[in-house]
Structures are given as structure tokens and as C-alpha cells.
Amino acid sequence: MNFKESIRSSLNVADFMVQGYLADITPSELLMRPAPDANHIAWQLGHLIASERHLVEAAAPGTMPPLPGGFAERHTKDTAVSDNPADFLSKDEYMKLAGEIRAGTLRVLERLTEADCDKPVTARVPPFVKCAGDCFVTVGSHWIMHTGQWVVLRRKLGRPRMF
């Protein structure tokens, strides 16, 4: 398995977990917090979508499709405190946008060479992201990390274990 195949595999695993954990989440549950001060799934979805786009743009500037106007700004740390349904999209809208951004991620990945993956990243990214390849590695694991948070809500709601 080469680098691109590994990245595609990690994205597929993340997508499998996201789809599984969200399949039976209702609109009102999307805005439930599993614990005080924990972020709800609606905010997390927006954060994940904006983060994926940002990471891929950091690796390959000017390559990703745009987000809707104001989308990233609506999903910052400062907006995570909102419980107002009007501040967030529906699950279907988030998933449609996530699919569009993921398609962009995969298009960019296909064009990368191994040398491209080693190029340093100068954009504002987490401190463990040093090169373009790290950006792609981080995308799938970021989604998976957040699905782990969704499990807590699912258990609180009495949903069965899935994986």
C-alpha cells in the first residue's frame, strides 16, 4: 500500500464511522451535548468540514472548492457555545457539503507527488503538522477523533454499540 492508498483507506474508515454513528441521529439530537461544555455534533460537523478544507488548502493552496460564505466563521471555537438551531445546518446539508469537500480532497490527493507530500506547510495548522503529507494524514484521524465524541452521546441516548 502506498501513501495515497493509505490516505484513501483512512478516509474510507472515517466515512464508514461517520455514516454509522450519524445514521439514526435526529435533528434535535444533533444539537444535544453529551456533557456540559462538550460540543454538539452540528457544530463539530461544521468544524470538521472547515478543517478538512483548511488542511488540504495548507498542503496545496488554491485547490479546494470554496465553502459557502461565512461557513467557517459560523463554526469557530467562539460559536461552539450556540445551541440555536438557526445557527447550524441540517444533517443532510452538512453531509452534502462534507461530500463536496471530500471529493475535492481526493482530487488534490490524486495530483500530489511523493515530493509534494514532503513540502513544508507554512499555513496555520496544528503543531504536529509539518509537511503537506501530514495534512492529509490528519484529515481522516480528525474525523475519527470526533466520532469518538459522538459515541458518548449515543451511549447517553441508549443507542447500541456499533463498532
C-alpha atoms as a PDB file:
ATOM      1  CA  MET A   1       0.000   0.000   0.000  1.00  0.00           C
ATOM      2  CA  ASN A   2       1.434   3.374  -0.970  1.00  0.00           C
ATOM      3  CA  PHE A   3       0.886   6.783   0.639  1.00  0.00           C
ATOM      4  CA  LYS A   4      -2.173   7.704  -1.446  1.00  0.00           C
ATOM      5  CA  GLU A   5      -3.798   4.320  -0.868  1.00  0.00           C
ATOM      6  CA  SER A   6      -3.170   4.685   2.883  1.00  0.00           C
ATOM      7  CA  ILE A   7      -4.789   8.109   2.933  1.00  0.00           C
ATOM      8  CA  ARG A   8      -7.793   6.893   0.918  1.00  0.00           C
ATOM      9  CA  SER A   9      -8.141   3.967   3.324  1.00  0.00           C
ATOM     10  CA  SER A  10      -8.096   6.234   6.390  1.00  0.00           C
ATOM     11  CA  LEU A  11     -10.712   8.490   4.777  1.00  0.00           C
ATOM     12  CA  ASN A  12     -12.885   5.471   3.957  1.00  0.00           C
ATOM     13  CA  VAL A  13     -12.695   4.243   7.559  1.00  0.00           C
ATOM     14  CA  ALA A  14     -13.600   7.727   8.798  1.00  0.00           C
ATOM     15  CA  ASP A  15     -16.543   7.918   6.378  1.00  0.00           C
ATOM     16  CA  PHE A  16     -17.757   4.483   7.481  1.00  0.00           C
ATOM     17  CA  MET A  17     -17.719   5.533  11.130  1.00  0.00           C
ATOM     18  CA  VAL A  18     -19.333   8.919  10.440  1.00  0.00           C
ATOM     19  CA  GLN A  19     -22.149   7.359   8.430  1.00  0.00           C
ATOM     20  CA  GLY A  20     -22.719   4.659  11.030  1.00  0.00           C
ATOM     21  CA  TYR A  21     -22.765   6.937  14.054  1.00  0.00           C
ATOM     22  CA  LEU A  22     -24.938   9.580  12.410  1.00  0.00           C
ATOM     23  CA  ALA A  23     -27.427   7.312  10.643  1.00  0.00           C
ATOM     24  CA  ASP A  24     -30.040   7.412  13.408  1.00  0.00           C
ATOM     25  CA  ILE A  25     -29.219  10.797  14.956  1.00  0.00           C
ATOM     26  CA  THR A  26     -32.292  13.035  14.802  1.00  0.00           C
ATOM     27  CA  PRO A  27     -32.274  16.788  14.166  1.00  0.00           C
ATOM     28  CA  SER A  28     -32.764  17.567  17.860  1.00  0.00           C
ATOM     29  CA  GLU A  29     -30.039  15.094  18.867  1.00  0.00           C
ATOM     30  CA  LEU A  30     -27.623  16.827  16.515  1.00  0.00           C
ATOM     31  CA  LEU A  31     -27.751  19.768  18.941  1.00  0.00           C
ATOM     32  CA  MET A  32     -27.523  17.755  22.170  1.00  0.00           C
ATOM     33  CA  ARG A  33     -24.398  17.996  24.275  1.00  0.00           C
ATOM     34  CA  PRO A  34     -23.180  14.710  25.783  1.00  0.00           C
ATOM     35  CA  ALA A  35     -21.758  16.584  28.771  1.00  0.00           C
ATOM     36  CA  PRO A  36     -21.717  20.199  29.957  1.00  0.00           C
ATOM     37  CA  ASP A  37     -19.433  22.312  27.780  1.00  0.00           C
ATOM     38  CA  ALA A  38     -18.974  19.491  25.253  1.00  0.00           C
ATOM     39  CA  ASN A  39     -19.565  20.458  21.636  1.00  0.00           C
ATOM     40  CA  HIS A  40     -22.662  19.158  19.906  1.00  0.00           C
ATOM     41  CA  ILE A  41     -22.484  17.215  16.661  1.00  0.00           C
ATOM     42  CA  ALA A  42     -23.860  20.019  14.483  1.00  0.00           C
ATOM     43  CA  TRP A  43     -21.010  22.345  15.436  1.00  0.00           C
ATOM     44  CA  GLN A  44     -18.493  19.514  15.142  1.00  0.00           C
ATOM     45  CA  LEU A  45     -19.612  18.682  11.602  1.00  0.00           C
ATOM     46  CA  GLY A  46     -19.090  22.273  10.507  1.00  0.00           C
ATOM     47  CA  HIS A  47     -15.733  22.372  12.265  1.00  0.00           C
ATOM     48  CA  LEU A  48     -14.636  19.129  10.592  1.00  0.00           C
ATOM     49  CA  ILE A  49     -15.686  20.282   7.123  1.00  0.00           C
ATOM     50  CA  ALA A  50     -13.952  23.642   7.501  1.00  0.00           C
ATOM     51  CA  SER A  51     -10.865  21.970   8.972  1.00  0.00           C
ATOM     52  CA  GLU A  52     -10.591  19.439   6.152  1.00  0.00           C
ATOM     53  CA  ARG A  53     -10.735  22.192   3.581  1.00  0.00           C
ATOM     54  CA  HIS A  54      -8.197  24.272   5.517  1.00  0.00           C
ATOM     55  CA  LEU A  55      -5.754  21.375   5.873  1.00  0.00           C
ATOM     56  CA  VAL A  56      -5.877  20.465   2.192  1.00  0.00           C
ATOM     57  CA  GLU A  57      -5.515  24.125   1.226  1.00  0.00           C
ATOM     58  CA  ALA A  58      -2.475  24.317   3.518  1.00  0.00           C
ATOM     59  CA  ALA A  59      -0.962  21.374   1.639  1.00  0.00           C
ATOM     60  CA  ALA A  60      -1.931  22.590  -1.838  1.00  0.00           C
ATOM     61  CA  PRO A  61      -3.059  26.246  -1.872  1.00  0.00           C
ATOM     62  CA  GLY A  62      -5.819  27.217  -4.269  1.00  0.00           C
ATOM     63  CA  THR A  63      -7.010  23.676  -4.969  1.00  0.00           C
ATOM     64  CA  MET A  64     -10.142  23.166  -2.881  1.00  0.00           C
ATOM     65  CA  PRO A  65     -13.741  24.112  -3.638  1.00  0.00           C
ATOM     66  CA  PRO A  66     -14.979  27.085  -1.607  1.00  0.00           C
ATOM     67  CA  LEU A  67     -17.204  26.790   1.415  1.00  0.00           C
ATOM     68  CA  PRO A  68     -20.464  28.735   1.481  1.00  0.00           C
ATOM     69  CA  GLY A  69     -19.969  32.346   2.537  1.00  0.00           C
ATOM     70  CA  GLY A  70     -19.463  32.658   6.296  1.00  0.00           C
ATOM     71  CA  PHE A  71     -19.464  28.878   6.865  1.00  0.00           C
ATOM     72  CA  ALA A  72     -16.040  28.626   8.511  1.00  0.00           C
ATOM     73  CA  GLU A  73     -16.793  31.670  10.671  1.00  0.00           C
ATOM     74  CA  ARG A  74     -20.023  30.011  11.877  1.00  0.00           C
ATOM     75  CA  HIS A  75     -18.029  27.018  13.156  1.00  0.00           C
ATOM     76  CA  THR A  76     -15.215  28.561  15.207  1.00  0.00           C
ATOM     77  CA  LYS A  77     -14.391  27.942  18.852  1.00  0.00           C
ATOM     78  CA  ASP A  78     -16.356  31.082  19.681  1.00  0.00           C
ATOM     79  CA  THR A  79     -19.540  29.786  18.043  1.00  0.00           C
ATOM     80  CA  ALA A  80     -19.361  26.333  19.657  1.00  0.00           C
ATOM     81  CA  VAL A  81     -21.406  27.633  22.616  1.00  0.00           C
ATOM     82  CA  SER A  82     -24.505  28.251  20.496  1.00  0.00           C
ATOM     83  CA  ASP A  83     -27.492  25.951  20.886  1.00  0.00           C
ATOM     84  CA  ASN A  84     -29.623  27.936  18.450  1.00  0.00           C
ATOM     85  CA  PRO A  85     -30.758  25.618  15.619  1.00  0.00           C
ATOM     86  CA  ALA A  86     -30.797  28.598  13.248  1.00  0.00           C
ATOM     87  CA  ASP A  87     -27.010  28.877  13.619  1.00  0.00           C
ATOM     88  CA  PHE A  88     -26.453  25.439  12.119  1.00  0.00           C
ATOM     89  CA  LEU A  89     -27.296  23.367   9.053  1.00  0.00           C
ATOM     90  CA  SER A  90     -29.304  20.174   8.879  1.00  0.00           C
ATOM     91  CA  LYS A  91     -27.540  16.829   8.940  1.00  0.00           C
ATOM     92  CA  ASP A  92     -28.284  16.387   5.223  1.00  0.00           C
ATOM     93  CA  GLU A  93     -26.811  19.796   4.415  1.00  0.00           C
ATOM     94  CA  TYR A  94     -23.668  19.052   6.419  1.00  0.00           C
ATOM     95  CA  MET A  95     -23.278  15.668   4.783  1.00  0.00           C
ATOM     96  CA  LYS A  96     -23.748  17.091   1.288  1.00  0.00           C
ATOM     97  CA  LEU A  97     -21.103  19.731   1.936  1.00  0.00           C
ATOM     98  CA  ALA A  98     -18.793  17.171   3.558  1.00  0.00           C
ATOM     99  CA  GLY A  99     -19.089  15.063   0.401  1.00  0.00           C
ATOM    100  CA  GLU A 100     -18.202  18.019  -1.814  1.00  0.00           C
ATOM    101  CA  ILE A 101     -15.162  18.864   0.294  1.00  0.00           C
ATOM    102  CA  ARG A 102     -14.102  15.212   0.430  1.00  0.00           C
ATOM    103  CA  ALA A 103     -14.345  14.969  -3.366  1.00  0.00           C
ATOM    104  CA  GLY A 104     -12.034  17.985  -3.528  1.00  0.00           C
ATOM    105  CA  THR A 105      -9.640  16.354  -1.056  1.00  0.00           C
ATOM    106  CA  LEU A 106      -9.477  13.213  -3.174  1.00  0.00           C
ATOM    107  CA  ARG A 107      -8.896  15.208  -6.376  1.00  0.00           C
ATOM    108  CA  VAL A 108      -5.991  17.043  -4.766  1.00  0.00           C
ATOM    109  CA  LEU A 109      -4.579  13.812  -3.333  1.00  0.00           C
ATOM    110  CA  GLU A 110      -4.543  12.228  -6.790  1.00  0.00           C
ATOM    111  CA  ARG A 111      -2.439  15.082  -8.186  1.00  0.00           C
ATOM    112  CA  LEU A 112       0.167  15.015  -5.410  1.00  0.00           C
ATOM    113  CA  THR A 113       3.565  13.518  -5.999  1.00  0.00           C
ATOM    114  CA  GLU A 114       5.656  11.996  -3.246  1.00  0.00           C
ATOM    115  CA  ALA A 115       7.871  15.091  -3.399  1.00  0.00           C
ATOM    116  CA  ASP A 116       4.782  17.301  -2.924  1.00  0.00           C
ATOM    117  CA  CYS A 117       3.933  15.403   0.258  1.00  0.00           C
ATOM    118  CA  ASP A 118       7.327  16.310   1.749  1.00  0.00           C
ATOM    119  CA  LYS A 119       6.935  20.057   1.194  1.00  0.00           C
ATOM    120  CA  PRO A 120       6.765  22.103   4.401  1.00  0.00           C
ATOM    121  CA  VAL A 121       3.461  23.705   5.329  1.00  0.00           C
ATOM    122  CA  THR A 122       3.530  27.382   6.234  1.00  0.00           C
ATOM    123  CA  ALA A 123      -0.179  27.951   6.912  1.00  0.00           C
ATOM    124  CA  ARG A 124      -1.603  27.983  10.436  1.00  0.00           C
ATOM    125  CA  VAL A 125      -2.018  24.283  11.252  1.00  0.00           C
ATOM    126  CA  PRO A 126      -1.696  22.117  14.376  1.00  0.00           C
ATOM    127  CA  PRO A 127       1.897  21.914  15.647  1.00  0.00           C
ATOM    128  CA  PHE A 128       2.264  18.249  14.670  1.00  0.00           C
ATOM    129  CA  VAL A 129       1.572  19.071  11.001  1.00  0.00           C
ATOM    130  CA  LYS A 130       4.943  19.783   9.418  1.00  0.00           C
ATOM    131  CA  CYS A 131       4.536  18.871   5.740  1.00  0.00           C
ATOM    132  CA  ALA A 132       1.828  18.529   3.105  1.00  0.00           C
ATOM    133  CA  GLY A 133       1.553  14.791   3.676  1.00  0.00           C
ATOM    134  CA  ASP A 134       0.805  15.403   7.355  1.00  0.00           C
ATOM    135  CA  CYS A 135      -2.203  17.495   6.316  1.00  0.00           C
ATOM    136  CA  PHE A 136      -3.746  14.515   4.549  1.00  0.00           C
ATOM    137  CA  VAL A 137      -2.920  12.096   7.364  1.00  0.00           C
ATOM    138  CA  THR A 138      -4.611  14.447   9.822  1.00  0.00           C
ATOM    139  CA  VAL A 139      -7.903  14.721   7.903  1.00  0.00           C
ATOM    140  CA  GLY A 140      -9.081  11.135   8.451  1.00  0.00           C
ATOM    141  CA  SER A 141      -7.853  10.902  12.027  1.00  0.00           C
ATOM    142  CA  HIS A 142      -9.547  14.210  12.872  1.00  0.00           C
ATOM    143  CA  TRP A 143     -12.925  12.894  11.706  1.00  0.00           C
ATOM    144  CA  ILE A 144     -12.375   9.642  13.624  1.00  0.00           C
ATOM    145  CA  MET A 145     -11.406  11.508  16.792  1.00  0.00           C
ATOM    146  CA  HIS A 146     -14.692  13.411  16.684  1.00  0.00           C
ATOM    147  CA  THR A 147     -16.742  10.254  16.074  1.00  0.00           C
ATOM    148  CA  GLY A 148     -15.374   9.028  19.371  1.00  0.00           C
ATOM    149  CA  GLN A 149     -17.067  12.008  20.988  1.00  0.00           C
ATOM    150  CA  TRP A 150     -20.331  11.096  19.252  1.00  0.00           C
ATOM    151  CA  VAL A 151     -20.207   7.659  20.865  1.00  0.00           C
ATOM    152  CA  VAL A 152     -20.625   9.334  24.261  1.00  0.00           C
ATOM    153  CA  LEU A 153     -23.847  10.991  23.097  1.00  0.00           C
ATOM    154  CA  ARG A 154     -25.051   7.740  21.549  1.00  0.00           C
ATOM    155  CA  ARG A 155     -24.480   5.899  24.837  1.00  0.00           C
ATOM    156  CA  LYS A 156     -26.264   8.694  26.731  1.00  0.00           C
ATOM    157  CA  LEU A 157     -29.216   8.227  24.357  1.00  0.00           C
ATOM    158  CA  GLY A 158     -29.242   4.473  24.978  1.00  0.00           C
ATOM    159  CA  ARG A 159     -28.123   3.548  21.460  1.00  0.00           C
ATOM    160  CA  PRO A 160     -26.352   0.225  20.979  1.00  0.00           C
ATOM    161  CA  ARG A 161     -22.633  -0.167  20.442  1.00  0.00           C
ATOM    162  CA  MET A 162     -21.771  -0.212  16.782  1.00  0.00           C
ATOM    163  CA  PHE A 163     -18.081  -0.968  16.355  1.00  0.00           C
END
